[in-house]
Amino acid sequence: MVLSSILMSSCENDQEPILPMPTLENVEVGLNNNEIGIIGRDFHVNADIIAGDKIDLVKVKMLPIEGENYTSPWKFELTWEQYKGAKNTNLHKHFTIPEDAVEGRYDFIIVIQDENGTTLEEKRAINIYAPENLPVDPKLTEFTVSARGESFKVLYILSKGGYRDPISLEYGNFQVGIDKGEVLDAAATVGGIKGEGKLYVLLINKKHNHRPESIDAIDFTKAMVVDVFEHKNLEQTERWSHINFEREGFPIISRLKIGAEKDNNSPIPATISGLKEWESGDYYVGTIYHNSTYNMTIFHYVGVEVNMDL
């Protein structure tokens, strides 16, 4: 009886210990979590990682799905070792879908290897398209940021045409500051769209480290709304701009006075206070467009300097 108890105890002690597994939360695959990849263009992945012990490495894989048809074999793998040794981290990466990628439906797998020997795999299905085969292909064709006061200053212009700097006669990023009392002008033009969509123009103090890449990710306690506009039942167009529409009978450009008490959020303007309180420093001016009909998002940010010491 004593010998049997000793043997049982010995067997129990020989069992492999159960090791804690890493976990993933807040997983996003594709811009705005749309699970779409576009050949030759930016792709987004985000996840909050908690290691079982410590992270060894993180990688993603795109693998063909059994039963799917492809014009030629293709797979992809990308590894990041900079997270090694961390207990937890936020994985937020942008990378380009390779030019040799083949259209089709793929398994997108996030792999977390732990230093304790455990491995976690999170799988999503994604669709990879060539740009010419997208149902819609939103592109920011123009984005102009200016300052209006006693003079007119171009802060930034992304455009193939339109306004040029009156002195240099060049297009480009002029990075001029804007002062208290001047009006921030912003104009965005999006092409390659149809259906329903929404566009925001934002002003955000860089100290908040907040640069949202989707409308759902906007923290309105940190972001001032320069303008917001929607389109509904839009026919296919290569050029749509909120400044082409009329609001209450007047053509509009997105404008926000530096030092204003309220922003231009809709339907209710928000008071500019708390985290958004005006101060001198570096800011982002950004635009985010989301097409809700086809779940496609684009965004663009530029830096401007705000001077409140007047």
Protein backbone atom coordinates (compact mmCIF):
# COMPACT_ATOMS: atom_id res chain seq x y z
CA MET A 1 0.00 0.00 0.00
CA VAL A 2 2.83 2.38 0.88
CA LEU A 3 4.73 1.37 -2.27
CA SER A 4 1.63 2.05 -4.43
CA SER A 5 1.24 5.54 -2.94
CA ILE A 6 4.90 6.29 -3.61
CA LEU A 7 4.58 5.17 -7.25
CA MET A 8 1.45 7.30 -7.81
CA SER A 9 3.14 10.30 -6.27
CA SER A 10 6.17 9.75 -8.48
CA CYS A 11 4.01 9.54 -11.63
CA GLU A 12 2.19 12.74 -10.73
CA ASN A 13 5.49 14.54 -10.24
CA ASP A 14 6.67 13.36 -13.69
CA GLN A 15 3.77 15.02 -15.54
CA GLU A 16 4.63 17.96 -17.78
CA PRO A 17 3.70 21.30 -16.18
CA ILE A 18 0.93 23.28 -17.88
CA LEU A 19 2.59 26.39 -19.23
CA PRO A 20 0.70 29.69 -19.58
CA MET A 21 -0.14 30.57 -23.19
CA PRO A 22 0.15 34.00 -24.79
CA THR A 23 -3.12 35.78 -25.58
CA LEU A 24 -4.27 38.28 -28.22
CA GLU A 25 -6.89 41.02 -27.90
CA ASN A 26 -8.18 43.87 -30.09
CA VAL A 27 -7.05 42.16 -33.29
CA GLU A 28 -7.39 44.21 -36.49
CA VAL A 29 -6.47 42.81 -39.90
CA GLY A 30 -6.46 45.22 -42.84
CA LEU A 31 -7.15 48.95 -42.85
CA ASN A 32 -10.23 49.57 -40.68
CA ASN A 33 -10.16 45.82 -39.94
CA ASN A 34 -11.65 45.13 -43.39
CA GLU A 35 -9.60 41.96 -44.03
CA ILE A 36 -8.62 43.24 -47.49
CA GLY A 37 -5.11 43.37 -48.93
CA ILE A 38 -4.19 45.28 -52.10
CA ILE A 39 -1.18 44.21 -54.13
CA GLY A 40 1.61 46.78 -53.93
CA ARG A 41 -0.10 48.81 -51.19
CA ASP A 42 -0.06 49.30 -47.45
CA PHE A 43 -1.54 46.61 -45.18
CA HIS A 44 -2.31 47.05 -41.48
CA VAL A 45 -2.29 44.62 -38.55
CA ASN A 46 -2.92 45.45 -34.91
CA ALA A 47 -3.18 43.33 -31.74
CA ASP A 48 -2.56 43.63 -28.01
CA ILE A 49 -0.26 40.77 -26.94
CA ILE A 50 0.11 39.37 -23.44
CA ALA A 51 2.82 36.73 -23.14
CA GLY A 52 2.55 33.57 -21.07
CA ASP A 53 6.09 34.25 -19.87
CA LYS A 54 7.88 36.59 -22.28
CA ILE A 55 7.57 37.07 -26.02
CA ASP A 56 10.13 35.28 -28.16
CA LEU A 57 9.00 36.44 -31.62
CA VAL A 58 5.97 37.62 -33.55
CA LYS A 59 5.24 36.79 -37.16
CA VAL A 60 2.43 36.83 -39.68
CA LYS A 61 1.78 34.40 -42.51
CA MET A 62 -0.47 34.50 -45.57
CA LEU A 63 -1.17 30.97 -46.76
CA PRO A 64 -3.37 29.59 -49.57
CA ILE A 65 -6.63 27.99 -48.48
CA GLU A 66 -7.30 24.40 -49.52
CA GLY A 67 -9.98 24.26 -52.20
CA GLU A 68 -9.45 27.84 -53.41
CA ASN A 69 -8.27 28.48 -56.97
CA TYR A 70 -5.20 30.63 -57.69
CA THR A 71 -3.49 31.54 -60.93
CA SER A 72 -0.10 30.55 -59.47
CA PRO A 73 1.37 29.45 -56.11
CA TRP A 74 2.09 32.19 -53.57
CA LYS A 75 2.57 32.56 -49.83
CA PHE A 76 4.10 35.17 -47.56
CA GLU A 77 5.74 35.35 -44.13
CA LEU A 78 7.09 38.29 -42.11
CA THR A 79 8.81 38.08 -38.70
CA TRP A 80 9.44 40.78 -36.07
CA GLU A 81 12.01 40.06 -33.35
CA GLN A 82 11.96 43.49 -31.69
CA TYR A 83 9.32 42.35 -29.19
CA LYS A 84 11.59 39.63 -27.74
CA GLY A 85 11.69 39.72 -23.95
CA ALA A 86 8.54 41.83 -23.52
CA LYS A 87 5.77 40.67 -21.20
CA ASN A 88 3.13 42.50 -23.20
CA THR A 89 3.04 44.87 -26.15
CA ASN A 90 0.89 46.43 -28.82
CA LEU A 91 1.58 45.04 -32.27
CA HIS A 92 0.83 47.83 -34.72
CA LYS A 93 2.45 47.29 -38.09
CA HIS A 94 2.09 48.52 -41.64
CA PHE A 95 3.75 46.65 -44.48
CA THR A 96 3.32 46.42 -48.23
CA ILE A 97 1.57 43.50 -49.92
CA PRO A 98 4.31 42.27 -52.30
CA GLU A 99 4.05 43.00 -56.01
CA ASP A 100 4.29 39.26 -56.74
CA ALA A 101 1.22 38.46 -54.62
CA VAL A 102 -1.54 36.50 -56.33
CA GLU A 103 -5.19 37.52 -56.05
CA GLY A 104 -7.47 35.32 -53.99
CA ARG A 105 -8.63 34.35 -50.53
CA TYR A 106 -5.92 33.46 -47.98
CA ASP A 107 -5.50 32.47 -44.36
CA PHE A 108 -3.87 35.35 -42.49
CA ILE A 109 -2.20 33.92 -39.38
CA ILE A 110 -0.69 35.86 -36.48
CA VAL A 111 1.88 33.70 -34.67
CA ILE A 112 3.12 34.48 -31.14
CA GLN A 113 6.00 32.33 -29.89
CA ASP A 114 6.66 32.53 -26.16
CA GLU A 115 10.03 32.07 -24.48
CA ASN A 116 8.43 29.31 -22.39
CA GLY A 117 8.00 27.22 -25.57
CA THR A 118 4.28 27.78 -26.16
CA THR A 119 2.87 29.13 -29.43
CA LEU A 120 -0.41 30.90 -30.16
CA GLU A 121 -1.88 31.21 -33.68
CA GLU A 122 -4.79 33.52 -34.55
CA LYS A 123 -6.30 32.94 -38.00
CA ARG A 124 -8.40 35.25 -40.17
CA ALA A 125 -9.47 34.93 -43.81
CA ILE A 126 -8.46 37.83 -46.05
CA ASN A 127 -9.07 38.75 -49.68
CA ILE A 128 -6.16 40.00 -51.77
CA TYR A 129 -6.99 42.14 -54.81
CA ALA A 130 -5.09 43.74 -57.64
CA PRO A 131 -5.92 47.49 -57.52
CA GLU A 132 -7.78 47.38 -60.83
CA ASN A 133 -10.17 44.70 -59.50
CA LEU A 134 -11.28 46.49 -56.32
CA PRO A 135 -15.03 47.23 -56.05
CA VAL A 136 -14.04 50.80 -55.10
CA ASP A 137 -10.57 52.30 -54.85
CA PRO A 138 -10.63 55.43 -52.65
CA LYS A 139 -7.68 57.75 -53.13
CA LEU A 140 -6.88 61.09 -51.59
CA THR A 141 -6.15 63.10 -54.73
CA GLU A 142 -5.87 66.51 -53.04
CA PHE A 143 -5.39 67.69 -49.47
CA THR A 144 -4.63 71.35 -48.85
CA VAL A 145 -4.04 73.03 -45.48
CA SER A 146 -3.77 76.83 -45.32
CA ALA A 147 -3.83 79.68 -42.82
CA ARG A 148 -5.97 82.78 -43.40
CA GLY A 149 -5.46 85.96 -41.45
CA GLU A 150 -3.96 89.27 -42.48
CA SER A 151 -2.10 87.19 -45.04
CA PHE A 152 -2.69 83.84 -46.74
CA LYS A 153 -0.19 81.06 -46.01
CA VAL A 154 -0.05 77.57 -47.48
CA LEU A 155 0.85 75.09 -44.75
CA TYR A 156 0.69 71.95 -46.88
CA ILE A 157 -0.61 70.85 -50.25
CA LEU A 158 -0.95 67.35 -51.67
CA SER A 159 -2.11 67.88 -55.23
CA LYS A 160 -1.30 67.27 -58.86
CA GLY A 161 -2.62 70.72 -59.67
CA GLY A 162 -4.35 73.70 -58.15
CA TYR A 163 -2.76 76.30 -55.88
CA ARG A 164 0.99 76.95 -56.03
CA ASP A 165 3.10 78.89 -53.56
CA PRO A 166 3.02 82.52 -54.87
CA ILE A 167 6.75 83.04 -54.25
CA SER A 168 8.40 79.73 -55.14
CA LEU A 169 5.67 78.74 -57.65
CA GLU A 170 6.12 75.17 -56.46
CA TYR A 171 3.73 72.54 -55.14
CA GLY A 172 4.62 70.71 -51.96
CA ASN A 173 4.84 70.78 -48.19
CA PHE A 174 5.66 74.29 -46.99
CA GLN A 175 5.39 73.62 -43.22
CA VAL A 176 4.51 77.19 -42.24
CA GLY A 177 3.09 77.86 -38.76
CA ILE A 178 -0.38 79.13 -37.95
CA ASP A 179 -1.06 81.77 -35.28
CA LYS A 180 -3.82 82.40 -32.77
CA GLY A 181 -6.68 84.26 -34.45
CA GLU A 182 -5.89 82.92 -37.91
CA VAL A 183 -8.27 80.50 -39.60
CA LEU A 184 -7.19 76.99 -40.48
CA ASP A 185 -8.50 76.05 -43.94
CA ALA A 186 -8.51 72.42 -45.03
CA ALA A 187 -9.81 70.91 -48.25
CA ALA A 188 -9.81 67.20 -49.11
CA THR A 189 -10.73 65.53 -52.39
CA VAL A 190 -11.29 61.78 -52.63
CA GLY A 191 -11.59 59.84 -55.88
CA GLY A 192 -12.50 56.30 -56.92
CA ILE A 193 -15.62 56.00 -54.76
CA LYS A 194 -19.35 55.35 -54.87
CA GLY A 195 -22.14 54.46 -52.44
CA GLU A 196 -22.06 55.87 -48.91
CA GLY A 197 -19.13 57.39 -47.08
CA LYS A 198 -18.01 59.82 -44.41
CA LEU A 199 -15.03 62.17 -44.16
CA TYR A 200 -13.48 63.87 -41.13
CA VAL A 201 -10.86 66.61 -41.04
CA LEU A 202 -9.12 66.72 -37.63
CA LEU A 203 -6.67 68.85 -35.66
CA ILE A 204 -4.81 66.97 -32.91
CA ASN A 205 -2.00 68.03 -30.58
CA LYS A 206 0.96 65.70 -31.22
CA LYS A 207 1.65 65.38 -27.50
CA HIS A 208 -1.36 63.02 -27.26
CA ASN A 209 0.33 60.51 -29.59
CA HIS A 210 -3.08 60.02 -31.19
CA ARG A 211 -3.18 59.55 -34.94
CA PRO A 212 -6.30 57.48 -35.66
CA GLU A 213 -6.37 55.46 -38.85
CA SER A 214 -10.14 54.90 -38.90
CA ILE A 215 -13.21 56.91 -37.93
CA ASP A 216 -14.07 54.40 -35.20
CA ALA A 217 -10.66 55.00 -33.62
CA ILE A 218 -11.07 58.77 -33.22
CA ASP A 219 -10.84 59.89 -29.58
CA PHE A 220 -12.93 63.07 -29.58
CA THR A 221 -11.56 64.07 -26.17
CA LYS A 222 -8.23 64.65 -27.97
CA ALA A 223 -9.25 65.45 -31.56
CA MET A 224 -10.79 68.76 -32.68
CA VAL A 225 -13.12 68.39 -35.66
CA VAL A 226 -12.38 70.90 -38.40
CA ASP A 227 -15.20 69.42 -40.48
CA VAL A 228 -17.24 66.28 -41.06
CA PHE A 229 -19.27 65.43 -44.12
CA GLU A 230 -21.13 62.46 -45.61
CA HIS A 231 -22.23 61.33 -49.05
CA LYS A 232 -25.08 58.92 -49.75
CA ASN A 233 -26.03 56.99 -52.89
CA LEU A 234 -23.14 58.51 -54.79
CA GLU A 235 -22.61 57.33 -58.35
CA GLN A 236 -19.13 56.16 -59.34
CA THR A 237 -16.86 59.20 -59.32
CA GLU A 238 -13.18 59.95 -59.65
CA ARG A 239 -13.53 63.22 -57.73
CA TRP A 240 -15.59 63.94 -54.61
CA SER A 241 -14.84 66.81 -52.28
CA HIS A 242 -16.83 68.17 -49.35
CA ILE A 243 -16.04 71.68 -50.58
CA ASN A 244 -18.07 70.99 -53.74
CA PHE A 245 -21.26 70.65 -51.72
CA GLU A 246 -23.38 73.41 -50.23
CA ARG A 247 -24.38 73.69 -46.62
CA GLU A 248 -27.34 76.00 -45.87
CA GLY A 249 -26.99 77.48 -49.35
CA PHE A 250 -23.33 78.48 -49.09
CA PRO A 251 -20.31 76.74 -50.62
CA ILE A 252 -18.11 75.52 -47.80
CA ILE A 253 -14.46 74.98 -47.01
CA SER A 254 -13.48 73.33 -43.74
CA ARG A 255 -12.44 76.16 -41.43
CA LEU A 256 -11.53 76.37 -37.76
CA LYS A 257 -10.30 79.53 -36.05
CA ILE A 258 -7.20 78.97 -33.93
CA GLY A 259 -8.34 79.76 -30.39
CA ALA A 260 -12.04 79.05 -31.06
CA GLU A 261 -14.24 77.99 -28.13
CA LYS A 262 -15.90 75.15 -30.08
CA ASP A 263 -14.96 72.90 -32.97
CA ASN A 264 -17.11 71.93 -35.99
CA ASN A 265 -18.26 68.49 -34.96
CA SER A 266 -21.73 67.55 -36.15
CA PRO A 267 -24.51 67.54 -35.17
CA ILE A 268 -23.24 69.20 -31.95
CA PRO A 269 -19.99 71.22 -31.93
CA ALA A 270 -17.70 70.22 -29.06
CA THR A 271 -16.17 72.65 -26.58
CA ILE A 272 -12.40 72.92 -26.99
CA SER A 273 -11.26 72.30 -23.43
CA GLY A 274 -9.60 69.65 -21.29
CA LEU A 275 -7.16 67.56 -23.33
CA LYS A 276 -8.03 69.61 -26.41
CA GLU A 277 -7.32 72.98 -24.79
CA TRP A 278 -5.40 75.29 -27.10
CA GLU A 279 -1.65 75.61 -26.56
CA SER A 280 1.43 76.32 -28.62
CA GLY A 281 3.13 73.31 -30.13
CA ASP A 282 3.16 70.77 -32.91
CA TYR A 283 -0.16 69.45 -34.19
CA TYR A 284 -1.44 66.99 -36.75
CA VAL A 285 -3.95 68.03 -39.39
CA GLY A 286 -5.47 64.85 -40.74
CA THR A 287 -8.27 63.56 -42.88
CA ILE A 288 -9.97 60.17 -42.58
CA TYR A 289 -12.41 58.87 -45.19
CA HIS A 290 -14.45 55.68 -44.73
CA ASN A 291 -16.63 54.13 -47.40
CA SER A 292 -19.27 52.23 -45.45
CA THR A 293 -20.75 50.54 -48.53
CA TYR A 294 -17.50 48.69 -49.29
CA ASN A 295 -15.72 48.99 -45.91
CA MET A 296 -12.70 50.83 -47.30
CA THR A 297 -10.74 53.51 -45.42
CA ILE A 298 -7.97 55.96 -46.29
CA PHE A 299 -6.22 58.52 -44.08
CA HIS A 300 -3.52 61.16 -44.35
CA TYR A 301 -1.75 63.37 -41.77
CA VAL A 302 0.55 66.37 -41.96
CA GLY A 303 2.28 68.35 -39.25
CA VAL A 304 1.69 72.03 -38.50
CA GLU A 305 2.97 74.35 -35.79
CA VAL A 306 0.41 76.31 -33.77
CA ASN A 307 1.46 79.53 -32.04
CA MET A 308 -0.82 80.75 -29.23
CA ASP A 309 1.71 83.19 -27.71
CA LEU A 310 0.34 86.41 -29.17
